[in-house]
């Protein structure tokens, strides 16, 4: 999920190149929600600064997978979901 925290910038649209060249820019407080498995990109910000909150949403099964994978990465060994 990509939640825009401001709207005083140009550019910064989220797009999904596998499907279309169209970009999506949610209003301040609005969100673009998508699967992280989808190829996605954000265009260059051409004016101002883009501030976004980027939470990852997952269920208990995915949390278990994330924790198991984190144990394989030395820097993430102390990670807990």
PDB file of N, CA and C in Angstrom:
ATOM      1  N   UNK A   1       0.851  -1.165   0.000  1.00  0.00           N
ATOM      2  CA  UNK A   1       0.000   0.000   0.000  1.00  0.00           C
ATOM      3  C   UNK A   1       0.900   1.233   0.000  1.00  0.00           C
ATOM      4  N   UNK A   2       0.503   2.233  -0.733  1.00  0.00           N
ATOM      5  CA  UNK A   2       1.215   3.510  -0.768  1.00  0.00           C
ATOM      6  C   UNK A   2       0.206   4.605  -0.421  1.00  0.00           C
ATOM      7  N   UNK A   3       0.385   5.224   0.726  1.00  0.00           N
ATOM      8  CA  UNK A   3      -0.518   6.278   1.191  1.00  0.00           C
ATOM      9  C   UNK A   3       0.206   7.612   1.082  1.00  0.00           C
ATOM     10  N   UNK A   4      -0.320   8.506   0.269  1.00  0.00           N
ATOM     11  CA  UNK A   4       0.291   9.827   0.127  1.00  0.00           C
ATOM     12  C   UNK A   4      -0.008  10.669   1.357  1.00  0.00           C
ATOM     13  N   UNK A   5       1.035  11.267   1.921  1.00  0.00           N
ATOM     14  CA  UNK A   5       0.879  12.121   3.092  1.00  0.00           C
ATOM     15  C   UNK A   5       0.800  13.596   2.724  1.00  0.00           C
ATOM     16  N   UNK A   6       1.085  13.904   1.468  1.00  0.00           N
ATOM     17  CA  UNK A   6       0.969  15.282   0.990  1.00  0.00           C
ATOM     18  C   UNK A   6       0.552  15.251  -0.480  1.00  0.00           C
ATOM     19  N   UNK A   7       0.200  16.422  -0.994  1.00  0.00           N
ATOM     20  CA  UNK A   7      -0.192  16.475  -2.408  1.00  0.00           C
ATOM     21  C   UNK A   7       0.437  17.670  -3.139  1.00  0.00           C
ATOM     22  N   UNK A   8       1.397  18.328  -2.484  1.00  0.00           N
ATOM     23  CA  UNK A   8       2.021  19.504  -3.089  1.00  0.00           C
ATOM     24  C   UNK A   8       3.308  19.130  -3.824  1.00  0.00           C
ATOM     25  N   UNK A   9       3.188  18.173  -4.735  1.00  0.00           N
ATOM     26  CA  UNK A   9       4.308  17.739  -5.554  1.00  0.00           C
ATOM     27  C   UNK A   9       3.781  17.306  -6.920  1.00  0.00           C
ATOM     28  N   UNK A  10       4.673  17.326  -7.894  1.00  0.00           N
ATOM     29  CA  UNK A  10       4.347  16.824  -9.237  1.00  0.00           C
ATOM     30  C   UNK A  10       5.166  15.571  -9.479  1.00  0.00           C
ATOM     31  N   UNK A  11       4.627  14.661 -10.262  1.00  0.00           N
ATOM     32  CA  UNK A  11       5.279  13.374 -10.493  1.00  0.00           C
ATOM     33  C   UNK A  11       4.933  12.430  -9.355  1.00  0.00           C
ATOM     34  N   UNK A  12       5.774  11.414  -9.144  1.00  0.00           N
ATOM     35  CA  UNK A  12       5.568  10.510  -8.029  1.00  0.00           C
ATOM     36  C   UNK A  12       4.389   9.560  -8.187  1.00  0.00           C
ATOM     37  N   UNK A  13       3.952   9.320  -9.436  1.00  0.00           N
ATOM     38  CA  UNK A  13       2.827   8.410  -9.652  1.00  0.00           C
ATOM     39  C   UNK A  13       3.294   6.957  -9.559  1.00  0.00           C
ATOM     40  N   UNK A  14       2.463   6.113  -8.996  1.00  0.00           N
ATOM     41  CA  UNK A  14       2.723   4.670  -8.937  1.00  0.00           C
ATOM     42  C   UNK A  14       2.188   4.061 -10.225  1.00  0.00           C
ATOM     43  N   UNK A  15       2.996   3.212 -10.862  1.00  0.00           N
ATOM     44  CA  UNK A  15       2.541   2.553 -12.093  1.00  0.00           C
ATOM     45  C   UNK A  15       2.877   1.071 -12.041  1.00  0.00           C
ATOM     46  N   UNK A  16       2.248   0.338 -12.942  1.00  0.00           N
ATOM     47  CA  UNK A  16       2.406  -1.106 -13.038  1.00  0.00           C
ATOM     48  C   UNK A  16       2.768  -1.436 -14.473  1.00  0.00           C
ATOM     49  N   UNK A  17       4.069  -1.367 -14.812  1.00  0.00           N
ATOM     50  CA  UNK A  17       4.540  -1.452 -16.202  1.00  0.00           C
ATOM     51  C   UNK A  17       4.098  -2.705 -16.955  1.00  0.00           C
ATOM     52  N   UNK A  18       3.855  -3.800 -16.262  1.00  0.00           N
ATOM     53  CA  UNK A  18       3.418  -5.023 -16.945  1.00  0.00           C
ATOM     54  C   UNK A  18       2.030  -4.868 -17.551  1.00  0.00           C
ATOM     55  N   UNK A  19       1.251  -3.944 -17.012  1.00  0.00           N
ATOM     56  CA  UNK A  19      -0.143  -3.817 -17.431  1.00  0.00           C
ATOM     57  C   UNK A  19      -0.435  -2.574 -18.246  1.00  0.00           C
ATOM     58  N   UNK A  20       0.250  -1.467 -17.927  1.00  0.00           N
ATOM     59  CA  UNK A  20      -0.060  -0.201 -18.588  1.00  0.00           C
ATOM     60  C   UNK A  20       1.003   0.831 -18.225  1.00  0.00           C
ATOM     61  N   UNK A  21       1.080   1.886 -18.984  1.00  0.00           N
ATOM     62  CA  UNK A  21       1.990   2.977 -18.641  1.00  0.00           C
ATOM     63  C   UNK A  21       1.293   4.024 -17.768  1.00  0.00           C
ATOM     64  N   UNK A  22       0.009   3.826 -17.506  1.00  0.00           N
ATOM     65  CA  UNK A  22      -0.750   4.775 -16.692  1.00  0.00           C
ATOM     66  C   UNK A  22      -0.208   4.834 -15.266  1.00  0.00           C
ATOM     67  N   UNK A  23      -0.093   6.047 -14.720  1.00  0.00           N
ATOM     68  CA  UNK A  23       0.331   6.240 -13.346  1.00  0.00           C
ATOM     69  C   UNK A  23      -0.856   6.603 -12.466  1.00  0.00           C
ATOM     70  N   UNK A  24      -0.757   6.281 -11.197  1.00  0.00           N
ATOM     71  CA  UNK A  24      -1.828   6.559 -10.234  1.00  0.00           C
ATOM     72  C   UNK A  24      -1.264   7.428  -9.124  1.00  0.00           C
ATOM     73  N   UNK A  25      -1.960   8.522  -8.835  1.00  0.00           N
ATOM     74  CA  UNK A  25      -1.552   9.424  -7.757  1.00  0.00           C
ATOM     75  C   UNK A  25      -2.751   9.641  -6.858  1.00  0.00           C
ATOM     76  N   UNK A  26      -2.719   9.003  -5.706  1.00  0.00           N
ATOM     77  CA  UNK A  26      -3.809   9.157  -4.744  1.00  0.00           C
ATOM     78  C   UNK A  26      -3.763  10.554  -4.142  1.00  0.00           C
ATOM     79  N   UNK A  27      -4.911  11.088  -3.743  1.00  0.00           N
ATOM     80  CA  UNK A  27      -4.907  12.391  -3.066  1.00  0.00           C
ATOM     81  C   UNK A  27      -4.266  12.254  -1.680  1.00  0.00           C
ATOM     82  N   UNK A  28      -3.951  13.364  -1.046  1.00  0.00           N
ATOM     83  CA  UNK A  28      -3.399  13.331   0.311  1.00  0.00           C
ATOM     84  C   UNK A  28      -4.325  12.507   1.202  1.00  0.00           C
ATOM     85  N   UNK A  29      -3.758  11.515   1.872  1.00  0.00           N
ATOM     86  CA  UNK A  29      -4.542  10.629   2.735  1.00  0.00           C
ATOM     87  C   UNK A  29      -5.144   9.446   2.006  1.00  0.00           C
ATOM     88  N   UNK A  30      -5.075   9.451   0.683  1.00  0.00           N
ATOM     89  CA  UNK A  30      -5.595   8.339  -0.119  1.00  0.00           C
ATOM     90  C   UNK A  30      -4.511   7.302  -0.362  1.00  0.00           C
ATOM     91  N   UNK A  31      -4.928   6.127  -0.818  1.00  0.00           N
ATOM     92  CA  UNK A  31      -3.977   5.033  -0.983  1.00  0.00           C
ATOM     93  C   UNK A  31      -4.113   4.355  -2.338  1.00  0.00           C
ATOM     94  N   UNK A  32      -2.994   3.827  -2.808  1.00  0.00           N
ATOM     95  CA  UNK A  32      -2.972   2.891  -3.923  1.00  0.00           C
ATOM     96  C   UNK A  32      -2.599   1.559  -3.283  1.00  0.00           C
ATOM     97  N   UNK A  33      -3.474   0.573  -3.419  1.00  0.00           N
ATOM     98  CA  UNK A  33      -3.265  -0.725  -2.780  1.00  0.00           C
ATOM     99  C   UNK A  33      -3.006  -1.761  -3.864  1.00  0.00           C
ATOM    100  N   UNK A  34      -1.936  -2.541  -3.669  1.00  0.00           N
ATOM    101  CA  UNK A  34      -1.559  -3.525  -4.682  1.00  0.00           C
ATOM    102  C   UNK A  34      -0.726  -4.617  -4.036  1.00  0.00           C
ATOM    103  N   UNK A  35      -0.647  -5.750  -4.712  1.00  0.00           N
ATOM    104  CA  UNK A  35       0.192  -6.844  -4.257  1.00  0.00           C
ATOM    105  C   UNK A  35       1.651  -6.498  -4.527  1.00  0.00           C
ATOM    106  N   UNK A  36       2.498  -6.738  -3.554  1.00  0.00           N
ATOM    107  CA  UNK A  36       3.929  -6.465  -3.752  1.00  0.00           C
ATOM    108  C   UNK A  36       4.533  -7.387  -4.791  1.00  0.00           C
ATOM    109  N   UNK A  37       3.836  -8.449  -5.152  1.00  0.00           N
ATOM    110  CA  UNK A  37       4.344  -9.337  -6.195  1.00  0.00           C
ATOM    111  C   UNK A  37       4.142  -8.726  -7.583  1.00  0.00           C
ATOM    112  N   UNK A  38       3.350  -7.663  -7.667  1.00  0.00           N
ATOM    113  CA  UNK A  38       3.153  -6.976  -8.947  1.00  0.00           C
ATOM    114  C   UNK A  38       4.344  -6.043  -9.182  1.00  0.00           C
ATOM    115  N   UNK A  39       4.907  -6.110 -10.380  1.00  0.00           N
ATOM    116  CA  UNK A  39       5.986  -5.191 -10.731  1.00  0.00           C
ATOM    117  C   UNK A  39       5.418  -3.778 -10.653  1.00  0.00           C
ATOM    118  N   UNK A  40       6.058  -2.920  -9.872  1.00  0.00           N
ATOM    119  CA  UNK A  40       5.569  -1.551  -9.726  1.00  0.00           C
ATOM    120  C   UNK A  40       6.733  -0.577  -9.716  1.00  0.00           C
ATOM    121  N   UNK A  41       6.426   0.662 -10.042  1.00  0.00           N
ATOM    122  CA  UNK A  41       7.433   1.712 -10.104  1.00  0.00           C
ATOM    123  C   UNK A  41       6.793   3.023  -9.664  1.00  0.00           C
ATOM    124  N   UNK A  42       7.645   3.970  -9.279  1.00  0.00           N
ATOM    125  CA  UNK A  42       7.180   5.312  -8.940  1.00  0.00           C
ATOM    126  C   UNK A  42       7.961   6.278  -9.811  1.00  0.00           C
ATOM    127  N   UNK A  43       7.243   7.161 -10.498  1.00  0.00           N
ATOM    128  CA  UNK A  43       7.911   8.114 -11.381  1.00  0.00           C
ATOM    129  C   UNK A  43       8.666   9.166 -10.573  1.00  0.00           C
ATOM    130  N   UNK A  44       9.599   9.797 -11.234  1.00  0.00           N
ATOM    131  CA  UNK A  44      10.419  10.838 -10.607  1.00  0.00           C
ATOM    132  C   UNK A  44       9.538  12.003 -10.157  1.00  0.00           C
ATOM    133  N   UNK A  45       9.819  12.514  -8.981  1.00  0.00           N
ATOM    134  CA  UNK A  45       9.149  13.725  -8.488  1.00  0.00           C
ATOM    135  C   UNK A  45       9.837  14.910  -9.146  1.00  0.00           C
ATOM    136  N   UNK A  46       9.055  15.729  -9.846  1.00  0.00           N
ATOM    137  CA  UNK A  46       9.628  16.849 -10.594  1.00  0.00           C
ATOM    138  C   UNK A  46       9.463  18.198  -9.884  1.00  0.00           C
ATOM    139  N   UNK A  47       8.618  18.242  -8.866  1.00  0.00           N
ATOM    140  CA  UNK A  47       8.438  19.472  -8.080  1.00  0.00           C
ATOM    141  C   UNK A  47       8.030  19.089  -6.678  1.00  0.00           C
ATOM    142  N   UNK A  48       8.680  19.689  -5.689  1.00  0.00           N
ATOM    143  CA  UNK A  48       8.357  19.421  -4.298  1.00  0.00           C
ATOM    144  C   UNK A  48       8.956  18.109  -3.820  1.00  0.00           C
ATOM    145  N   UNK A  49       8.432  17.635  -2.718  1.00  0.00           N
ATOM    146  CA  UNK A  49       8.856  16.353  -2.143  1.00  0.00           C
ATOM    147  C   UNK A  49       7.616  15.509  -1.927  1.00  0.00           C
ATOM    148  N   UNK A  50       7.765  14.219  -2.178  1.00  0.00           N
ATOM    149  CA  UNK A  50       6.670  13.268  -1.968  1.00  0.00           C
ATOM    150  C   UNK A  50       6.915  12.556  -0.647  1.00  0.00           C
ATOM    151  N   UNK A  51       5.926  12.621   0.229  1.00  0.00           N
ATOM    152  CA  UNK A  51       5.983  11.900   1.491  1.00  0.00           C
ATOM    153  C   UNK A  51       4.900  10.839   1.446  1.00  0.00           C
ATOM    154  N   UNK A  52       5.293   9.599   1.746  1.00  0.00           N
ATOM    155  CA  UNK A  52       4.339   8.496   1.679  1.00  0.00           C
ATOM    156  C   UNK A  52       4.567   7.538   2.843  1.00  0.00           C
ATOM    157  N   UNK A  53       3.498   6.946   3.296  1.00  0.00           N
ATOM    158  CA  UNK A  53       3.536   5.883   4.305  1.00  0.00           C
ATOM    159  C   UNK A  53       3.370   4.589   3.524  1.00  0.00           C
ATOM    160  N   UNK A  54       4.290   3.626   3.707  1.00  0.00           N
ATOM    161  CA  UNK A  54       4.325   2.422   2.881  1.00  0.00           C
ATOM    162  C   UNK A  54       4.219   1.154   3.740  1.00  0.00           C
ATOM    163  N   UNK A  55       3.054   0.893   4.336  1.00  0.00           N
ATOM    164  CA  UNK A  55       2.911  -0.315   5.156  1.00  0.00           C
ATOM    165  C   UNK A  55       2.771  -1.566   4.286  1.00  0.00           C
ATOM    166  N   UNK A  56       3.174  -2.694   4.832  1.00  0.00           N
ATOM    167  CA  UNK A  56       3.003  -3.988   4.176  1.00  0.00           C
ATOM    168  C   UNK A  56       1.954  -4.756   4.968  1.00  0.00           C
ATOM    169  N   UNK A  57       0.937  -5.235   4.293  1.00  0.00           N
ATOM    170  CA  UNK A  57      -0.160  -5.951   4.940  1.00  0.00           C
ATOM    171  C   UNK A  57      -0.042  -7.438   4.633  1.00  0.00           C
ATOM    172  N   UNK A  58      -0.141  -8.267   5.664  1.00  0.00           N
ATOM    173  CA  UNK A  58      -0.063  -9.707   5.463  1.00  0.00           C
ATOM    174  C   UNK A  58      -0.751 -10.432   6.607  1.00  0.00           C
ATOM    175  N   UNK A  59      -1.108 -11.704   6.363  1.00  0.00           N
ATOM    176  CA  UNK A  59      -1.810 -12.502   7.357  1.00  0.00           C
ATOM    177  C   UNK A  59      -0.815 -13.301   8.206  1.00  0.00           C
ATOM    178  N   UNK A  60      -1.326 -14.127   9.126  1.00  0.00           N
ATOM    179  CA  UNK A  60      -0.466 -14.889  10.024  1.00  0.00           C
ATOM    180  C   UNK A  60       0.435 -15.868   9.275  1.00  0.00           C
ATOM    181  N   UNK A  61      -0.082 -16.497   8.218  1.00  0.00           N
ATOM    182  CA  UNK A  61       0.729 -17.444   7.443  1.00  0.00           C
ATOM    183  C   UNK A  61       1.901 -16.721   6.785  1.00  0.00           C
ATOM    184  N   UNK A  62       1.648 -15.565   6.223  1.00  0.00           N
ATOM    185  CA  UNK A  62       2.724 -14.791   5.600  1.00  0.00           C
ATOM    186  C   UNK A  62       3.704 -14.287   6.652  1.00  0.00           C
ATOM    187  N   UNK A  63       3.228 -13.953   7.842  1.00  0.00           N
ATOM    188  CA  UNK A  63       4.123 -13.508   8.916  1.00  0.00           C
ATOM    189  C   UNK A  63       5.085 -14.632   9.293  1.00  0.00           C
ATOM    190  N   UNK A  64       4.592 -15.868   9.326  1.00  0.00           N
ATOM    191  CA  UNK A  64       5.459 -17.011   9.641  1.00  0.00           C
ATOM    192  C   UNK A  64       6.529 -17.186   8.564  1.00  0.00           C
ATOM    193  N   UNK A  65       6.165 -17.008   7.307  1.00  0.00           N
ATOM    194  CA  UNK A  65       7.128 -17.113   6.208  1.00  0.00           C
ATOM    195  C   UNK A  65       8.165 -16.007   6.322  1.00  0.00           C
ATOM    196  N   UNK A  66       7.722 -14.781   6.597  1.00  0.00           N
ATOM    197  CA  UNK A  66       8.648 -13.651   6.746  1.00  0.00           C
ATOM    198  C   UNK A  66       9.639 -13.908   7.879  1.00  0.00           C
ATOM    199  N   UNK A  67       9.154 -14.423   9.000  1.00  0.00           N
ATOM    200  CA  UNK A  67      10.027 -14.693  10.137  1.00  0.00           C
ATOM    201  C   UNK A  67      11.032 -15.793   9.811  1.00  0.00           C
ATOM    202  N   UNK A  68      10.592 -16.850   9.128  1.00  0.00           N
ATOM    203  CA  UNK A  68      11.499 -17.931   8.735  1.00  0.00           C
ATOM    204  C   UNK A  68      12.561 -17.415   7.769  1.00  0.00           C
ATOM    205  N   UNK A  69      12.168 -16.589   6.829  1.00  0.00           N
ATOM    206  CA  UNK A  69      13.133 -16.037   5.875  1.00  0.00           C
ATOM    207  C   UNK A  69      14.100 -15.071   6.548  1.00  0.00           C
ATOM    208  N   UNK A  70      13.626 -14.311   7.514  1.00  0.00           N
ATOM    209  CA  UNK A  70      14.483 -13.353   8.207  1.00  0.00           C
ATOM    210  C   UNK A  70      15.620 -14.063   8.933  1.00  0.00           C
ATOM    211  N   UNK A  71      15.367 -15.278   9.413  1.00  0.00           N
ATOM    212  CA  UNK A  71      16.408 -16.030  10.116  1.00  0.00           C
ATOM    213  C   UNK A  71      17.570 -16.381   9.183  1.00  0.00           C
ATOM    214  N   UNK A  72      17.333 -16.353   7.883  1.00  0.00           N
ATOM    215  CA  UNK A  72      18.372 -16.682   6.896  1.00  0.00           C
ATOM    216  C   UNK A  72      19.220 -15.471   6.514  1.00  0.00           C
ATOM    217  N   UNK A  73      18.829 -14.293   6.972  1.00  0.00           N
ATOM    218  CA  UNK A  73      19.548 -13.057   6.638  1.00  0.00           C
ATOM    219  C   UNK A  73      20.203 -12.555   7.921  1.00  0.00           C
ATOM    220  N   UNK A  74      21.531 -12.561   7.997  1.00  0.00           N
ATOM    221  CA  UNK A  74      22.216 -12.214   9.249  1.00  0.00           C
ATOM    222  C   UNK A  74      21.758 -10.908   9.895  1.00  0.00           C
ATOM    223  N   UNK A  75      21.598  -9.857   9.110  1.00  0.00           N
ATOM    224  CA  UNK A  75      21.216  -8.562   9.662  1.00  0.00           C
ATOM    225  C   UNK A  75      19.786  -8.568  10.207  1.00  0.00           C
ATOM    226  N   UNK A  76      18.953  -9.516   9.766  1.00  0.00           N
ATOM    227  CA  UNK A  76      17.549  -9.570  10.189  1.00  0.00           C
ATOM    228  C   UNK A  76      17.306 -10.674  11.210  1.00  0.00           C
ATOM    229  N   UNK A  77      18.364 -11.253  11.765  1.00  0.00           N
ATOM    230  CA  UNK A  77      18.212 -12.395  12.671  1.00  0.00           C
ATOM    231  C   UNK A  77      17.341 -12.069  13.888  1.00  0.00           C
ATOM    232  N   UNK A  78      17.320 -10.814  14.314  1.00  0.00           N
ATOM    233  CA  UNK A  78      16.502 -10.434  15.470  1.00  0.00           C
ATOM    234  C   UNK A  78      15.108  -9.976  15.098  1.00  0.00           C
ATOM    235  N   UNK A  79      14.747 -10.079  13.794  1.00  0.00           N
ATOM    236  CA  UNK A  79      13.421  -9.642  13.323  1.00  0.00           C
ATOM    237  C   UNK A  79      12.333 -10.508  13.937  1.00  0.00           C
ATOM    238  N   UNK A  80      11.276  -9.894  14.353  1.00  0.00           N
ATOM    239  CA  UNK A  80      10.075 -10.588  14.821  1.00  0.00           C
ATOM    240  C   UNK A  80       8.864  -9.888  14.239  1.00  0.00           C
ATOM    241  N   UNK A  81       7.926 -10.664  13.745  1.00  0.00           N
ATOM    242  CA  UNK A  81       6.710 -10.094  13.125  1.00  0.00           C
ATOM    243  C   UNK A  81       5.820  -9.483  14.182  1.00  0.00           C
TER     244      UNK A  81
END
